[in-house]
Amino acid sequence: MSDESRMHTQQPEFEQQDLRPKVVFGALAGLAVILVISYFIVMGFYHYMDTYQKAHEPPQNPLVTPRVESGKPTKTETQAEIKRAFPEPRLEEDERDQMNSVRLEEEKQLHSYGWTDEKAGVVHIPIERAMELTAQRGLPVYSAKAATPAGRGQEAAVTKRAKQ
């Protein structure tokens, strides 16, 4: 029998030999050693860059007064520091609180009744009620006679074209 005929008649073979555990653990130990060495190299580089930056840092402005940190400052201390450090007019003192108060005021206006201009007789109503009224009554339609002078010129041009 030739080799070809034997190959076709034999059962498929499989790997007879597995990896040795010593080789796998050796590779993992080598990887761990490389990682530890890399960590120390990177930390040494960061330490070198930090000392280099501190050595080449420009001198501090003599007008700046050093602050003594006595823990976390309170809100009133922070506001007093802002008022002392920044000249008038300060556009924002506490951005978050100012934005929250603006949003609360807008929400109050959207969901309440009140005067917008009492002398002119203009009021504001809650937005839900305004949507209900618009759905019931529909949007206002203005006649062509109530148009502005620019609108009247356009109306005249339309009527001339219609006559031709």
C-alpha atoms as a PDB file:
ATOM      1  CA  MET A   1       0.000   0.000   0.000  1.00  0.00           C
ATOM      2  CA  SER A   2       1.210   3.380  -0.840  1.00  0.00           C
ATOM      3  CA  ASP A   3       1.421   6.279   1.562  1.00  0.00           C
ATOM      4  CA  GLU A   4      -1.501   7.996  -0.112  1.00  0.00           C
ATOM      5  CA  SER A   5      -3.881   5.106   0.414  1.00  0.00           C
ATOM      6  CA  ARG A   6      -2.824   4.798   4.070  1.00  0.00           C
ATOM      7  CA  MET A   7      -3.530   8.488   4.648  1.00  0.00           C
ATOM      8  CA  HIS A   8      -7.064   8.149   3.343  1.00  0.00           C
ATOM      9  CA  THR A   9      -7.897   5.094   5.388  1.00  0.00           C
ATOM     10  CA  GLN A  10      -6.484   6.235   8.725  1.00  0.00           C
ATOM     11  CA  GLN A  11      -8.515   8.200  11.248  1.00  0.00           C
ATOM     12  CA  PRO A  12      -7.712  11.931  11.540  1.00  0.00           C
ATOM     13  CA  GLU A  13      -4.991  12.536  14.053  1.00  0.00           C
ATOM     14  CA  PHE A  14      -4.839  15.099  16.835  1.00  0.00           C
ATOM     15  CA  GLU A  15      -2.107  16.831  18.753  1.00  0.00           C
ATOM     16  CA  GLN A  16      -0.404  14.244  20.904  1.00  0.00           C
ATOM     17  CA  GLN A  17       1.480  16.669  23.098  1.00  0.00           C
ATOM     18  CA  ASP A  18       0.096  19.570  25.204  1.00  0.00           C
ATOM     19  CA  LEU A  19       1.899  22.666  26.329  1.00  0.00           C
ATOM     20  CA  ARG A  20       3.960  22.199  29.406  1.00  0.00           C
ATOM     21  CA  PRO A  21       2.752  24.181  32.460  1.00  0.00           C
ATOM     22  CA  LYS A  22       6.297  25.342  33.109  1.00  0.00           C
ATOM     23  CA  VAL A  23       6.349  27.151  29.756  1.00  0.00           C
ATOM     24  CA  VAL A  24       2.972  28.854  30.389  1.00  0.00           C
ATOM     25  CA  PHE A  25       3.892  29.960  33.918  1.00  0.00           C
ATOM     26  CA  GLY A  26       7.319  31.076  32.719  1.00  0.00           C
ATOM     27  CA  ALA A  27       5.699  33.291  30.051  1.00  0.00           C
ATOM     28  CA  LEU A  28       3.310  34.779  32.626  1.00  0.00           C
ATOM     29  CA  ALA A  29       6.152  35.424  35.065  1.00  0.00           C
ATOM     30  CA  GLY A  30       8.171  37.095  32.290  1.00  0.00           C
ATOM     31  CA  LEU A  31       5.182  39.299  31.434  1.00  0.00           C
ATOM     32  CA  ALA A  32       4.775  40.271  35.102  1.00  0.00           C
ATOM     33  CA  VAL A  33       8.479  41.176  35.331  1.00  0.00           C
ATOM     34  CA  ILE A  34       8.212  43.311  32.184  1.00  0.00           C
ATOM     35  CA  LEU A  35       5.155  45.106  33.605  1.00  0.00           C
ATOM     36  CA  VAL A  36       6.896  45.856  36.925  1.00  0.00           C
ATOM     37  CA  ILE A  37       9.991  47.157  35.150  1.00  0.00           C
ATOM     38  CA  SER A  38       7.793  49.314  32.863  1.00  0.00           C
ATOM     39  CA  TYR A  39       5.992  50.731  35.900  1.00  0.00           C
ATOM     40  CA  PHE A  40       9.252  51.814  37.530  1.00  0.00           C
ATOM     41  CA  ILE A  41      10.536  53.303  34.272  1.00  0.00           C
ATOM     42  CA  VAL A  42       7.355  55.366  33.807  1.00  0.00           C
ATOM     43  CA  MET A  43       7.325  56.509  37.446  1.00  0.00           C
ATOM     44  CA  GLY A  44      10.981  57.498  37.194  1.00  0.00           C
ATOM     45  CA  PHE A  45      10.223  59.469  34.031  1.00  0.00           C
ATOM     46  CA  TYR A  46       7.324  61.287  35.751  1.00  0.00           C
ATOM     47  CA  HIS A  47       9.540  62.084  38.750  1.00  0.00           C
ATOM     48  CA  TYR A  48      12.237  63.456  36.428  1.00  0.00           C
ATOM     49  CA  MET A  49       9.692  65.606  34.521  1.00  0.00           C
ATOM     50  CA  ASP A  50       8.220  66.931  37.796  1.00  0.00           C
ATOM     51  CA  THR A  51      11.598  67.990  39.161  1.00  0.00           C
ATOM     52  CA  TYR A  52      12.529  69.484  35.766  1.00  0.00           C
ATOM     53  CA  GLN A  53       9.323  71.544  35.709  1.00  0.00           C
ATOM     54  CA  LYS A  54       9.822  72.790  39.279  1.00  0.00           C
ATOM     55  CA  ALA A  55      13.415  73.793  38.488  1.00  0.00           C
ATOM     56  CA  HIS A  56      12.427  75.717  35.341  1.00  0.00           C
ATOM     57  CA  GLU A  57       9.222  77.301  36.676  1.00  0.00           C
ATOM     58  CA  PRO A  58       9.058  81.072  36.175  1.00  0.00           C
ATOM     59  CA  PRO A  59       9.124  83.213  39.318  1.00  0.00           C
ATOM     60  CA  GLN A  60       5.817  84.083  40.923  1.00  0.00           C
ATOM     61  CA  ASN A  61       4.348  87.534  40.376  1.00  0.00           C
ATOM     62  CA  PRO A  62       5.233  89.736  43.374  1.00  0.00           C
ATOM     63  CA  LEU A  63       1.705  91.168  43.429  1.00  0.00           C
ATOM     64  CA  VAL A  64       0.200  87.784  44.270  1.00  0.00           C
ATOM     65  CA  THR A  65      -0.243  87.244  47.973  1.00  0.00           C
ATOM     66  CA  PRO A  66       0.207  83.696  49.226  1.00  0.00           C
ATOM     67  CA  ARG A  67      -2.923  82.088  50.626  1.00  0.00           C
ATOM     68  CA  VAL A  68      -2.788  80.099  53.815  1.00  0.00           C
ATOM     69  CA  GLU A  69      -5.024  77.067  53.503  1.00  0.00           C
ATOM     70  CA  SER A  70      -6.871  76.326  56.724  1.00  0.00           C
ATOM     71  CA  GLY A  71      -9.067  73.540  55.449  1.00  0.00           C
ATOM     72  CA  LYS A  72     -11.928  73.998  53.026  1.00  0.00           C
ATOM     73  CA  PRO A  73     -13.162  77.614  52.920  1.00  0.00           C
ATOM     74  CA  THR A  74     -16.819  78.327  53.562  1.00  0.00           C
ATOM     75  CA  LYS A  75     -19.088  79.870  50.955  1.00  0.00           C
ATOM     76  CA  THR A  76     -18.966  83.303  52.586  1.00  0.00           C
ATOM     77  CA  GLU A  77     -15.161  83.188  52.735  1.00  0.00           C
ATOM     78  CA  THR A  78     -15.050  82.262  49.060  1.00  0.00           C
ATOM     79  CA  GLN A  79     -17.407  85.098  48.135  1.00  0.00           C
ATOM     80  CA  ALA A  80     -15.360  87.554  50.212  1.00  0.00           C
ATOM     81  CA  GLU A  81     -12.192  86.370  48.436  1.00  0.00           C
ATOM     82  CA  ILE A  82     -13.861  86.817  45.032  1.00  0.00           C
ATOM     83  CA  LYS A  83     -15.011  90.345  45.933  1.00  0.00           C
ATOM     84  CA  ARG A  84     -11.513  91.217  47.123  1.00  0.00           C
ATOM     85  CA  ALA A  85      -9.672  89.667  44.166  1.00  0.00           C
ATOM     86  CA  PHE A  86     -11.861  90.737  41.225  1.00  0.00           C
ATOM     87  CA  PRO A  87     -12.805  94.334  40.418  1.00  0.00           C
ATOM     88  CA  GLU A  88     -16.306  95.632  39.838  1.00  0.00           C
ATOM     89  CA  PRO A  89     -18.465  94.912  37.901  1.00  0.00           C
ATOM     90  CA  ARG A  90     -18.424  91.175  38.495  1.00  0.00           C
ATOM     91  CA  LEU A  91     -20.665  89.522  35.961  1.00  0.00           C
ATOM     92  CA  GLU A  92     -21.092  86.283  37.873  1.00  0.00           C
ATOM     93  CA  GLU A  93     -20.426  85.633  41.526  1.00  0.00           C
ATOM     94  CA  ASP A  94     -21.882  82.148  41.852  1.00  0.00           C
ATOM     95  CA  GLU A  95     -22.746  80.777  38.437  1.00  0.00           C
ATOM     96  CA  ARG A  96     -24.595  77.673  39.619  1.00  0.00           C
ATOM     97  CA  ASP A  97     -26.860  79.478  42.105  1.00  0.00           C
ATOM     98  CA  GLN A  98     -27.533  82.328  39.690  1.00  0.00           C
ATOM     99  CA  MET A  99     -28.442  79.891  36.886  1.00  0.00           C
ATOM    100  CA  ASN A 100     -30.692  77.917  39.236  1.00  0.00           C
ATOM    101  CA  SER A 101     -32.505  81.078  40.325  1.00  0.00           C
ATOM    102  CA  VAL A 102     -33.036  82.102  36.673  1.00  0.00           C
ATOM    103  CA  ARG A 103     -34.445  78.658  35.861  1.00  0.00           C
ATOM    104  CA  LEU A 104     -36.722  78.701  38.909  1.00  0.00           C
ATOM    105  CA  GLU A 105     -38.016  82.144  37.933  1.00  0.00           C
ATOM    106  CA  GLU A 106     -38.712  80.923  34.382  1.00  0.00           C
ATOM    107  CA  GLU A 107     -40.541  77.837  35.685  1.00  0.00           C
ATOM    108  CA  LYS A 108     -42.611  80.005  38.039  1.00  0.00           C
ATOM    109  CA  GLN A 109     -43.551  82.298  35.125  1.00  0.00           C
ATOM    110  CA  LEU A 110     -44.456  79.327  32.885  1.00  0.00           C
ATOM    111  CA  HIS A 111     -46.756  77.724  35.462  1.00  0.00           C
ATOM    112  CA  SER A 112     -48.538  80.696  37.058  1.00  0.00           C
ATOM    113  CA  TYR A 113     -50.919  83.554  36.353  1.00  0.00           C
ATOM    114  CA  GLY A 114     -49.739  87.152  36.616  1.00  0.00           C
ATOM    115  CA  TRP A 115     -49.300  90.560  35.052  1.00  0.00           C
ATOM    116  CA  THR A 116     -46.725  91.049  32.320  1.00  0.00           C
ATOM    117  CA  ASP A 117     -47.642  94.719  31.770  1.00  0.00           C
ATOM    118  CA  GLU A 118     -50.452  95.910  34.037  1.00  0.00           C
ATOM    119  CA  LYS A 119     -50.799  99.332  32.369  1.00  0.00           C
ATOM    120  CA  ALA A 120     -51.264  97.756  28.934  1.00  0.00           C
ATOM    121  CA  GLY A 121     -53.477  94.986  30.313  1.00  0.00           C
ATOM    122  CA  VAL A 122     -51.132  92.139  29.315  1.00  0.00           C
ATOM    123  CA  VAL A 123     -51.123  89.029  31.491  1.00  0.00           C
ATOM    124  CA  HIS A 124     -49.373  85.679  31.411  1.00  0.00           C
ATOM    125  CA  ILE A 125     -51.089  82.353  31.971  1.00  0.00           C
ATOM    126  CA  PRO A 126     -49.733  78.851  32.618  1.00  0.00           C
ATOM    127  CA  ILE A 127     -48.381  77.206  29.501  1.00  0.00           C
ATOM    128  CA  GLU A 128     -50.686  74.180  29.817  1.00  0.00           C
ATOM    129  CA  ARG A 129     -53.747  76.464  29.873  1.00  0.00           C
ATOM    130  CA  ALA A 130     -52.415  78.450  26.909  1.00  0.00           C
ATOM    131  CA  MET A 131     -52.014  75.238  24.882  1.00  0.00           C
ATOM    132  CA  GLU A 132     -55.575  74.168  25.791  1.00  0.00           C
ATOM    133  CA  LEU A 133     -56.969  77.542  24.685  1.00  0.00           C
ATOM    134  CA  THR A 134     -54.988  77.438  21.438  1.00  0.00           C
ATOM    135  CA  ALA A 135     -56.245  73.922  20.708  1.00  0.00           C
ATOM    136  CA  GLN A 136     -59.863  75.002  21.377  1.00  0.00           C
ATOM    137  CA  ARG A 137     -59.838  78.352  19.568  1.00  0.00           C
ATOM    138  CA  GLY A 138     -57.145  77.777  16.961  1.00  0.00           C
ATOM    139  CA  LEU A 139     -54.434  80.195  15.942  1.00  0.00           C
ATOM    140  CA  PRO A 140     -55.440  83.792  15.174  1.00  0.00           C
ATOM    141  CA  VAL A 141     -55.855  84.727  11.505  1.00  0.00           C
ATOM    142  CA  TYR A 142     -55.291  88.309  10.450  1.00  0.00           C
ATOM    143  CA  SER A 143     -57.148  89.822   7.519  1.00  0.00           C
ATOM    144  CA  ALA A 144     -55.326  91.432   4.602  1.00  0.00           C
ATOM    145  CA  LYS A 145     -56.842  94.833   5.518  1.00  0.00           C
ATOM    146  CA  ALA A 146     -55.009  94.837   8.860  1.00  0.00           C
ATOM    147  CA  ALA A 147     -51.645  94.310   7.170  1.00  0.00           C
ATOM    148  CA  THR A 148     -48.789  96.782   7.501  1.00  0.00           C
ATOM    149  CA  PRO A 149     -48.028  99.314   4.729  1.00  0.00           C
ATOM    150  CA  ALA A 150     -45.454  96.908   3.271  1.00  0.00           C
ATOM    151  CA  GLY A 151     -48.112  94.205   3.252  1.00  0.00           C
ATOM    152  CA  ARG A 152     -50.565  96.498   1.421  1.00  0.00           C
ATOM    153  CA  GLY A 153     -48.102  96.945  -1.393  1.00  0.00           C
ATOM    154  CA  GLN A 154     -47.863  93.217  -1.752  1.00  0.00           C
ATOM    155  CA  GLU A 155     -51.653  92.950  -1.710  1.00  0.00           C
ATOM    156  CA  ALA A 156     -51.907  95.480  -4.542  1.00  0.00           C
ATOM    157  CA  ALA A 157     -49.388  93.564  -6.617  1.00  0.00           C
ATOM    158  CA  VAL A 158     -51.394  90.355  -6.139  1.00  0.00           C
ATOM    159  CA  THR A 159     -54.634  92.040  -7.237  1.00  0.00           C
ATOM    160  CA  LYS A 160     -52.945  93.499 -10.365  1.00  0.00           C
ATOM    161  CA  ARG A 161     -51.705  90.058 -11.349  1.00  0.00           C
ATOM    162  CA  ALA A 162     -55.159  88.568 -10.761  1.00  0.00           C
ATOM    163  CA  LYS A 163     -56.769  91.149 -13.074  1.00  0.00           C
ATOM    164  CA  GLN A 164     -54.380  90.331 -15.923  1.00  0.00           C
END
